[in-house]
Structure formats: structure tokens, C-alpha cells
Amino acid sequence: MALKSLKKQRRIQVIALATVALVLSTALIGYGMRDGINFFRSPSQIAEEPPAPNEVFRIGGLVAEGSIVRGQGSSVTFSVTDGGATVPVVYTGVLPDLFSENEGMVGTGRLVNGVFEATEILAKHDEEYMPAEVVDALKEQGVYKEPDAES
């Protein structure tokens, strides 16, 4: 009888240890990924509810026509729009080759005093592709144009 009780007690200890290990590993994974998760926002969402200055997030939309201004060195300012709102962007670095006005883009950075300070800029990689998040934001504002279908 004591042998069965010992087996049962050992089994409970193993299950309890496994549960603690699972909870601990989940907490460590969450803690490790806290800086790696960047939420996407459209210019309209930023205008409605501006994020905190220390929050890193992604912004996407179309580069507003006539808004690209090249500064000294590799500094560039431009505006990104989704048709409902426009957000000024400042970026220092080399822009992608396909970056141009009226084209889709996604940037990573933070909003400081109403200006999005980008640390990374991505542009669509061919004539057909646009990130799904940008398409959704543009459709929501009613300014998305379907690409022409080639026969």
C-alpha cells in the first residue's frame, strides 16, 4: 500500500514540476519578445489616438505626392497618408530603390512631437505587391486602387 502512495506522490510532484517549468518558460519567452513586437498603425489611427513617444510601432500607407524633401546627407522627410490623415516622417539612411511618391511603404519607428521618426523604411518590392496591413488601411479609407490584372 505504501508503494502505491509513493508512486502517486511522485507522479504529482512530476506534474507540478512540469507545470512550473511550462509557466516559467512561457513567461521568459514573453519577456524576451516584449521589444520585438511592433504594432501596425495607419495614419488615421495615429491621428485618432497618438501612441506614447517611447512606443515603437510600424506605420504604413502611401507616400504623399510632392512631400519628399531630401535634406543634407542621407536625411529625408516625407509624408505618409491613407487618404484620411497624413503623418510627417523623418528618416536618416538609404531609402529603398522602389521608394517613390504615391507608392506603398511601411516604416518602423516612434512618434515624437507629431513627427514619425523612422529607423527603417520598407517599400513594395514589385509592381503588384503591397503589405496586407497597408491595403486594409487604404481600403478602410476608400482610397485603395486594385492593381491592373495582366492577361
N, C-alpha and C. Protein backbone atom coordinates (compact mmCIF):
# COMPACT_ATOMS: atom_id res chain seq x y z
N MET A 1 0.81 -1.18 0.00
CA MET A 1 0.00 0.00 0.00
C MET A 1 0.87 1.27 0.00
N ALA A 2 1.94 1.27 0.72
CA ALA A 2 2.84 2.41 0.80
C ALA A 2 3.51 2.67 -0.54
N LEU A 3 3.74 1.59 -1.31
CA LEU A 3 4.38 1.72 -2.62
C LEU A 3 3.48 2.48 -3.59
N LYS A 4 2.15 2.18 -3.59
CA LYS A 4 1.21 2.89 -4.46
C LYS A 4 1.14 4.37 -4.06
N SER A 5 1.14 4.65 -2.79
CA SER A 5 1.08 6.02 -2.30
C SER A 5 2.34 6.78 -2.72
N LEU A 6 3.49 6.13 -2.69
CA LEU A 6 4.75 6.76 -3.09
C LEU A 6 4.74 7.06 -4.59
N LYS A 7 4.22 6.13 -5.42
CA LYS A 7 4.12 6.35 -6.86
C LYS A 7 3.20 7.53 -7.17
N LYS A 8 2.07 7.58 -6.46
CA LYS A 8 1.11 8.65 -6.68
C LYS A 8 1.72 10.00 -6.29
N GLN A 9 2.43 10.04 -5.18
CA GLN A 9 3.07 11.26 -4.72
C GLN A 9 4.14 11.71 -5.71
N ARG A 10 4.92 10.76 -6.24
CA ARG A 10 5.97 11.06 -7.22
C ARG A 10 5.36 11.61 -8.51
N ARG A 11 4.24 11.02 -8.95
CA ARG A 11 3.55 11.46 -10.16
C ARG A 11 3.05 12.90 -9.99
N ILE A 12 2.49 13.21 -8.83
CA ILE A 12 2.01 14.57 -8.55
C ILE A 12 3.18 15.56 -8.56
N GLN A 13 4.31 15.16 -8.00
CA GLN A 13 5.49 16.03 -7.99
C GLN A 13 5.99 16.30 -9.41
N VAL A 14 6.00 15.28 -10.26
CA VAL A 14 6.45 15.44 -11.64
C VAL A 14 5.51 16.38 -12.41
N ILE A 15 4.21 16.20 -12.22
CA ILE A 15 3.22 17.07 -12.90
C ILE A 15 3.36 18.50 -12.41
N ALA A 16 3.53 18.70 -11.10
CA ALA A 16 3.69 20.04 -10.55
C ALA A 16 4.96 20.70 -11.09
N LEU A 17 6.06 19.95 -11.16
CA LEU A 17 7.33 20.47 -11.67
C LEU A 17 7.21 20.83 -13.16
N ALA A 18 6.52 19.98 -13.93
CA ALA A 18 6.33 20.25 -15.35
C ALA A 18 5.48 21.51 -15.55
N THR A 19 4.47 21.70 -14.72
CA THR A 19 3.61 22.87 -14.81
C THR A 19 4.40 24.14 -14.49
N VAL A 20 5.21 24.10 -13.45
CA VAL A 20 6.04 25.25 -13.08
C VAL A 20 7.02 25.57 -14.21
N ALA A 21 7.63 24.54 -14.80
CA ALA A 21 8.58 24.75 -15.90
C ALA A 21 7.88 25.37 -17.11
N LEU A 22 6.67 24.92 -17.41
CA LEU A 22 5.92 25.46 -18.54
C LEU A 22 5.56 26.93 -18.32
N VAL A 23 5.09 27.27 -17.13
CA VAL A 23 4.74 28.65 -16.82
C VAL A 23 5.98 29.54 -16.87
N LEU A 24 7.08 29.06 -16.30
CA LEU A 24 8.32 29.83 -16.30
C LEU A 24 8.85 30.06 -17.72
N SER A 25 8.82 29.03 -18.56
CA SER A 25 9.32 29.19 -19.93
C SER A 25 8.42 30.13 -20.72
N THR A 26 7.12 30.07 -20.53
CA THR A 26 6.20 30.98 -21.21
C THR A 26 6.47 32.42 -20.79
N ALA A 27 6.69 32.65 -19.50
CA ALA A 27 6.98 33.99 -19.01
C ALA A 27 8.30 34.51 -19.58
N LEU A 28 9.32 33.66 -19.66
CA LEU A 28 10.61 34.08 -20.21
C LEU A 28 10.51 34.40 -21.70
N ILE A 29 9.73 33.62 -22.44
CA ILE A 29 9.54 33.90 -23.88
C ILE A 29 8.83 35.24 -24.05
N GLY A 30 7.79 35.48 -23.29
CA GLY A 30 7.08 36.75 -23.36
C GLY A 30 7.96 37.92 -23.01
N TYR A 31 8.78 37.78 -21.98
CA TYR A 31 9.69 38.84 -21.57
C TYR A 31 10.73 39.11 -22.65
N GLY A 32 11.24 38.05 -23.28
CA GLY A 32 12.24 38.21 -24.33
C GLY A 32 11.70 38.86 -25.58
N MET A 33 10.42 38.67 -25.86
CA MET A 33 9.83 39.20 -27.09
C MET A 33 9.18 40.57 -26.91
N ARG A 34 9.19 41.12 -25.72
CA ARG A 34 8.45 42.36 -25.48
C ARG A 34 8.92 43.50 -26.37
N ASP A 35 10.19 43.58 -26.72
CA ASP A 35 10.68 44.65 -27.58
C ASP A 35 10.59 44.29 -29.05
N GLY A 36 10.38 43.04 -29.37
CA GLY A 36 10.35 42.60 -30.76
C GLY A 36 8.98 42.67 -31.40
N ILE A 37 7.96 43.02 -30.64
CA ILE A 37 6.61 43.09 -31.19
C ILE A 37 6.29 44.55 -31.49
N ASN A 38 6.11 44.84 -32.78
CA ASN A 38 5.77 46.20 -33.20
C ASN A 38 4.37 46.19 -33.81
N PHE A 39 3.48 46.96 -33.26
CA PHE A 39 2.13 47.02 -33.76
C PHE A 39 2.04 47.94 -34.98
N PHE A 40 1.14 47.60 -35.90
CA PHE A 40 0.94 48.39 -37.10
C PHE A 40 -0.15 49.42 -36.86
N ARG A 41 0.08 50.65 -37.35
CA ARG A 41 -0.92 51.70 -37.27
C ARG A 41 -0.97 52.44 -38.60
N SER A 42 -2.17 52.81 -39.00
CA SER A 42 -2.33 53.65 -40.18
C SER A 42 -2.26 55.11 -39.75
N PRO A 43 -2.04 56.05 -40.68
CA PRO A 43 -2.04 57.47 -40.30
C PRO A 43 -3.34 57.91 -39.63
N SER A 44 -4.49 57.36 -40.06
CA SER A 44 -5.76 57.72 -39.43
C SER A 44 -5.82 57.26 -37.98
N GLN A 45 -5.31 56.07 -37.70
CA GLN A 45 -5.29 55.56 -36.33
C GLN A 45 -4.38 56.42 -35.46
N ILE A 46 -3.28 56.89 -36.02
CA ILE A 46 -2.34 57.74 -35.27
C ILE A 46 -2.99 59.09 -34.97
N ALA A 47 -3.73 59.63 -35.94
CA ALA A 47 -4.40 60.91 -35.73
C ALA A 47 -5.48 60.80 -34.66
N GLU A 48 -6.20 59.67 -34.65
CA GLU A 48 -7.27 59.47 -33.67
C GLU A 48 -6.72 59.24 -32.26
N GLU A 49 -5.69 58.41 -32.18
CA GLU A 49 -5.13 58.05 -30.87
C GLU A 49 -3.62 57.96 -30.96
N PRO A 50 -2.92 59.10 -30.76
CA PRO A 50 -1.46 59.09 -30.88
C PRO A 50 -0.81 58.16 -29.84
N PRO A 51 0.18 57.37 -30.26
CA PRO A 51 0.88 56.49 -29.32
C PRO A 51 1.84 57.29 -28.44
N ALA A 52 2.30 56.63 -27.39
CA ALA A 52 3.28 57.26 -26.49
C ALA A 52 4.60 57.47 -27.24
N PRO A 53 5.37 58.52 -26.88
CA PRO A 53 6.63 58.80 -27.58
C PRO A 53 7.66 57.69 -27.48
N ASN A 54 7.57 56.86 -26.47
CA ASN A 54 8.57 55.79 -26.32
C ASN A 54 8.11 54.48 -26.97
N GLU A 55 6.92 54.45 -27.56
CA GLU A 55 6.40 53.21 -28.17
C GLU A 55 6.89 53.07 -29.60
N VAL A 56 7.55 51.94 -29.89
CA VAL A 56 7.99 51.63 -31.24
C VAL A 56 6.85 50.90 -31.95
N PHE A 57 6.51 51.37 -33.15
CA PHE A 57 5.43 50.75 -33.92
C PHE A 57 5.72 50.90 -35.41
N ARG A 58 4.88 50.29 -36.22
CA ARG A 58 5.01 50.39 -37.66
C ARG A 58 3.89 51.25 -38.22
N ILE A 59 4.22 52.08 -39.20
CA ILE A 59 3.23 52.90 -39.88
C ILE A 59 3.26 52.52 -41.36
N GLY A 60 2.11 52.55 -41.98
CA GLY A 60 2.06 52.21 -43.40
C GLY A 60 1.03 53.02 -44.13
N GLY A 61 1.27 53.20 -45.41
CA GLY A 61 0.35 53.94 -46.26
C GLY A 61 1.04 54.29 -47.55
N LEU A 62 0.56 55.32 -48.20
CA LEU A 62 1.15 55.80 -49.45
C LEU A 62 2.00 57.03 -49.16
N VAL A 63 3.12 57.15 -49.88
CA VAL A 63 3.95 58.35 -49.76
C VAL A 63 3.19 59.47 -50.46
N ALA A 64 2.89 60.53 -49.73
CA ALA A 64 2.10 61.64 -50.27
C ALA A 64 2.84 62.32 -51.42
N GLU A 65 2.08 62.66 -52.45
CA GLU A 65 2.65 63.30 -53.64
C GLU A 65 3.23 64.66 -53.28
N GLY A 66 4.44 64.93 -53.77
CA GLY A 66 5.10 66.21 -53.55
C GLY A 66 5.66 66.40 -52.15
N SER A 67 5.71 65.34 -51.36
CA SER A 67 6.14 65.51 -49.96
C SER A 67 7.59 65.12 -49.70
N ILE A 68 8.26 64.49 -50.65
CA ILE A 68 9.64 64.04 -50.42
C ILE A 68 10.59 65.23 -50.50
N VAL A 69 11.31 65.48 -49.39
CA VAL A 69 12.31 66.55 -49.33
C VAL A 69 13.60 65.94 -48.82
N ARG A 70 14.62 66.00 -49.64
CA ARG A 70 15.92 65.44 -49.24
C ARG A 70 16.72 66.53 -48.54
N GLY A 71 17.20 66.19 -47.34
CA GLY A 71 18.00 67.13 -46.57
C GLY A 71 19.47 66.90 -46.81
N GLN A 72 20.28 67.38 -45.90
CA GLN A 72 21.72 67.18 -46.03
C GLN A 72 22.08 65.74 -45.71
N GLY A 73 23.05 65.21 -46.41
CA GLY A 73 23.47 63.84 -46.20
C GLY A 73 22.38 62.87 -46.62
N SER A 74 22.07 61.92 -45.76
CA SER A 74 21.07 60.91 -46.10
C SER A 74 19.75 61.14 -45.38
N SER A 75 19.51 62.38 -44.94
CA SER A 75 18.27 62.72 -44.25
C SER A 75 17.16 63.01 -45.26
N VAL A 76 15.98 62.43 -45.01
CA VAL A 76 14.84 62.61 -45.90
C VAL A 76 13.60 62.85 -45.06
N THR A 77 12.76 63.79 -45.49
CA THR A 77 11.45 63.97 -44.86
C THR A 77 10.40 63.76 -45.94
N PHE A 78 9.29 63.20 -45.56
CA PHE A 78 8.17 62.99 -46.45
C PHE A 78 6.93 62.76 -45.60
N SER A 79 5.80 62.64 -46.23
CA SER A 79 4.55 62.38 -45.51
C SER A 79 3.96 61.07 -45.99
N VAL A 80 3.33 60.35 -45.07
CA VAL A 80 2.64 59.11 -45.41
C VAL A 80 1.16 59.33 -45.14
N THR A 81 0.33 58.85 -46.06
CA THR A 81 -1.11 59.08 -45.96
C THR A 81 -1.88 57.80 -46.26
N ASP A 82 -3.08 57.74 -45.72
CA ASP A 82 -4.00 56.66 -46.07
C ASP A 82 -5.28 57.24 -46.65
N GLY A 83 -5.24 58.52 -47.00
CA GLY A 83 -6.41 59.19 -47.55
C GLY A 83 -7.25 59.89 -46.49
N GLY A 84 -7.17 59.43 -45.26
CA GLY A 84 -7.93 60.03 -44.17
C GLY A 84 -7.10 60.96 -43.32
N ALA A 85 -5.82 60.69 -43.23
CA ALA A 85 -4.90 61.51 -42.43
C ALA A 85 -3.51 61.40 -43.03
N THR A 86 -2.66 62.36 -42.69
CA THR A 86 -1.28 62.39 -43.17
C THR A 86 -0.37 62.59 -41.98
N VAL A 87 0.74 61.84 -41.95
CA VAL A 87 1.71 61.93 -40.86
C VAL A 87 3.07 62.26 -41.46
N PRO A 88 3.75 63.32 -40.97
CA PRO A 88 5.09 63.62 -41.45
C PRO A 88 6.09 62.58 -40.92
N VAL A 89 7.07 62.25 -41.77
CA VAL A 89 8.07 61.24 -41.43
C VAL A 89 9.46 61.81 -41.65
N VAL A 90 10.37 61.50 -40.73
CA VAL A 90 11.77 61.86 -40.86
C VAL A 90 12.56 60.57 -40.85
N TYR A 91 13.49 60.43 -41.80
CA TYR A 91 14.30 59.21 -41.88
C TYR A 91 15.71 59.59 -42.27
N THR A 92 16.68 59.00 -41.61
CA THR A 92 18.08 59.17 -41.98
C THR A 92 18.62 57.81 -42.37
N GLY A 93 19.02 57.71 -43.62
CA GLY A 93 19.52 56.45 -44.13
C GLY A 93 19.26 56.36 -45.62
N VAL A 94 19.57 55.21 -46.19
CA VAL A 94 19.38 54.98 -47.61
C VAL A 94 17.98 54.41 -47.82
N LEU A 95 17.21 55.09 -48.65
CA LEU A 95 15.86 54.62 -48.96
C LEU A 95 15.91 53.48 -49.97
N PRO A 96 14.92 52.58 -49.93
CA PRO A 96 14.87 51.51 -50.92
C PRO A 96 14.73 52.08 -52.33
N ASP A 97 15.22 51.35 -53.34
CA ASP A 97 15.16 51.81 -54.72
C ASP A 97 13.74 52.06 -55.19
N LEU A 98 12.78 51.27 -54.73
CA LEU A 98 11.40 51.39 -55.20
C LEU A 98 10.59 52.42 -54.40
N PHE A 99 11.23 53.15 -53.51
CA PHE A 99 10.55 54.17 -52.72
C PHE A 99 10.26 55.38 -53.62
N SER A 100 8.99 55.75 -53.74
CA SER A 100 8.63 56.93 -54.54
C SER A 100 7.24 57.42 -54.12
N GLU A 101 6.86 58.57 -54.65
CA GLU A 101 5.57 59.16 -54.33
C GLU A 101 4.44 58.28 -54.85
N ASN A 102 3.32 58.31 -54.13
CA ASN A 102 2.12 57.53 -54.46
C ASN A 102 2.35 56.02 -54.45
N GLU A 103 3.37 55.57 -53.77
CA GLU A 103 3.66 54.14 -53.66
C GLU A 103 3.55 53.73 -52.19
N GLY A 104 3.26 52.46 -51.98
CA GLY A 104 3.12 51.95 -50.62
C GLY A 104 4.44 51.85 -49.90
N MET A 105 4.39 52.07 -48.60
CA MET A 105 5.58 51.94 -47.75
C MET A 105 5.17 51.56 -46.35
N VAL A 106 6.11 50.96 -45.62
CA VAL A 106 5.94 50.64 -44.21
C VAL A 106 7.21 51.11 -43.51
N GLY A 107 7.05 51.82 -42.41
CA GLY A 107 8.19 52.30 -41.64
C GLY A 107 8.09 51.86 -40.19
N THR A 108 9.24 51.66 -39.57
CA THR A 108 9.31 51.31 -38.15
C THR A 108 9.98 52.46 -37.42
N GLY A 109 9.40 52.86 -36.29
CA GLY A 109 9.98 53.95 -35.52
C GLY A 109 9.04 54.39 -34.42
N ARG A 110 9.14 55.67 -34.03
CA ARG A 110 8.28 56.21 -32.99
C ARG A 110 7.81 57.61 -33.36
N LEU A 111 6.69 57.99 -32.76
CA LEU A 111 6.10 59.30 -33.00
C LEU A 111 6.60 60.26 -31.92
N VAL A 112 7.31 61.31 -32.34
CA VAL A 112 7.86 62.29 -31.41
C VAL A 112 7.38 63.67 -31.84
N ASN A 113 6.61 64.32 -30.99
CA ASN A 113 6.06 65.66 -31.28
C ASN A 113 5.32 65.71 -32.61
N GLY A 114 4.54 64.69 -32.90
CA GLY A 114 3.73 64.66 -34.11
C GLY A 114 4.46 64.24 -35.37
N VAL A 115 5.76 63.94 -35.26
CA VAL A 115 6.55 63.52 -36.42
C VAL A 115 7.02 62.09 -36.19
N PHE A 116 6.80 61.24 -37.17
CA PHE A 116 7.24 59.85 -37.07
C PHE A 116 8.73 59.79 -37.39
N GLU A 117 9.55 59.41 -36.41
CA GLU A 117 10.99 59.28 -36.61
C GLU A 117 11.28 57.82 -36.94
N ALA A 118 11.52 57.55 -38.22
CA ALA A 118 11.69 56.19 -38.70
C ALA A 118 13.12 55.70 -38.53
N THR A 119 13.24 54.44 -38.14
CA THR A 119 14.54 53.79 -38.07
C THR A 119 14.71 52.81 -39.23
N GLU A 120 13.59 52.47 -39.87
CA GLU A 120 13.63 51.56 -41.02
C GLU A 120 12.47 51.90 -41.95
N ILE A 121 12.74 51.89 -43.25
CA ILE A 121 11.72 52.14 -44.27
C ILE A 121 11.74 50.98 -45.25
N LEU A 122 10.56 50.43 -45.51
CA LEU A 122 10.42 49.36 -46.50
C LEU A 122 9.47 49.85 -47.58
N ALA A 123 9.79 49.52 -48.82
CA ALA A 123 8.91 49.87 -49.94
C ALA A 123 8.46 48.59 -50.60
N LYS A 124 7.37 48.67 -51.34
CA LYS A 124 6.88 47.46 -52.01
C LYS A 124 7.97 46.94 -52.94
N HIS A 125 8.01 45.64 -53.13
CA HIS A 125 9.14 45.07 -53.87
C HIS A 125 8.86 44.79 -55.33
N ASP A 126 7.63 44.93 -55.79
CA ASP A 126 7.35 44.85 -57.22
C ASP A 126 6.08 45.63 -57.51
N GLU A 127 5.65 45.61 -58.74
CA GLU A 127 4.50 46.42 -59.14
C GLU A 127 3.18 45.93 -58.56
N GLU A 128 3.09 44.67 -58.13
CA GLU A 128 1.83 44.11 -57.67
C GLU A 128 1.70 44.07 -56.15
N TYR A 129 2.81 43.96 -55.44
CA TYR A 129 2.76 43.70 -54.01
C TYR A 129 2.59 44.98 -53.20
N MET A 130 1.76 44.88 -52.18
CA MET A 130 1.65 45.91 -51.14
C MET A 130 1.32 45.16 -49.86
N PRO A 131 1.96 45.49 -48.73
CA PRO A 131 1.68 44.77 -47.49
C PRO A 131 0.19 44.75 -47.18
N ALA A 132 -0.29 43.62 -46.70
CA ALA A 132 -1.72 43.44 -46.41
C ALA A 132 -2.23 44.49 -45.44
N GLU A 133 -1.42 44.87 -44.46
CA GLU A 133 -1.84 45.86 -43.48
C GLU A 133 -2.08 47.22 -44.14
N VAL A 134 -1.23 47.57 -45.11
CA VAL A 134 -1.38 48.84 -45.82
C VAL A 134 -2.62 48.79 -46.69
N VAL A 135 -2.84 47.67 -47.40
CA VAL A 135 -4.04 47.51 -48.24
C VAL A 135 -5.30 47.67 -47.38
N ASP A 136 -5.34 47.01 -46.23
CA ASP A 136 -6.50 47.10 -45.34
C ASP A 136 -6.75 48.53 -44.89
N ALA A 137 -5.68 49.25 -44.52
CA ALA A 137 -5.82 50.63 -44.06
C ALA A 137 -6.32 51.53 -45.20
N LEU A 138 -5.82 51.31 -46.42
CA LEU A 138 -6.25 52.12 -47.56
C LEU A 138 -7.68 51.80 -47.95
N LYS A 139 -8.06 50.52 -47.89
CA LYS A 139 -9.44 50.14 -48.19
C LYS A 139 -10.40 50.78 -47.19
N GLU A 140 -9.99 50.81 -45.92
CA GLU A 140 -10.81 51.41 -44.87
C GLU A 140 -11.09 52.88 -45.15
N GLN A 141 -10.11 53.57 -45.75
CA GLN A 141 -10.26 54.99 -46.07
C GLN A 141 -10.87 55.20 -47.46
N GLY A 142 -11.05 54.10 -48.23
CA GLY A 142 -11.66 54.19 -49.55
C GLY A 142 -10.75 54.71 -50.64
N VAL A 143 -9.43 54.61 -50.47
CA VAL A 143 -8.52 55.12 -51.48
C VAL A 143 -7.68 54.02 -52.15
N TYR A 144 -7.96 52.77 -51.85
CA TYR A 144 -7.17 51.67 -52.43
C TYR A 144 -7.60 51.43 -53.87
N LYS A 145 -6.60 51.33 -54.77
CA LYS A 145 -6.87 51.00 -56.16
C LYS A 145 -6.33 49.62 -56.43
N GLU A 146 -7.18 48.74 -56.94
CA GLU A 146 -6.75 47.38 -57.30
C GLU A 146 -5.72 47.48 -58.41
N PRO A 147 -4.64 46.66 -58.36
CA PRO A 147 -3.68 46.65 -59.45
C PRO A 147 -4.31 46.12 -60.72
N ASP A 148 -3.85 46.61 -61.85
CA ASP A 148 -4.37 46.12 -63.14
C ASP A 148 -3.99 44.67 -63.33
N ALA A 149 -4.95 43.85 -63.73
CA ALA A 149 -4.69 42.43 -63.98
C ALA A 149 -4.10 42.28 -65.37
N GLU A 150 -3.00 41.56 -65.46
CA GLU A 150 -2.38 41.30 -66.76
C GLU A 150 -2.92 40.01 -67.31
N SER A 151 -3.21 40.00 -68.59
CA SER A 151 -3.78 38.80 -69.23
C SER A 151 -2.71 37.93 -69.79
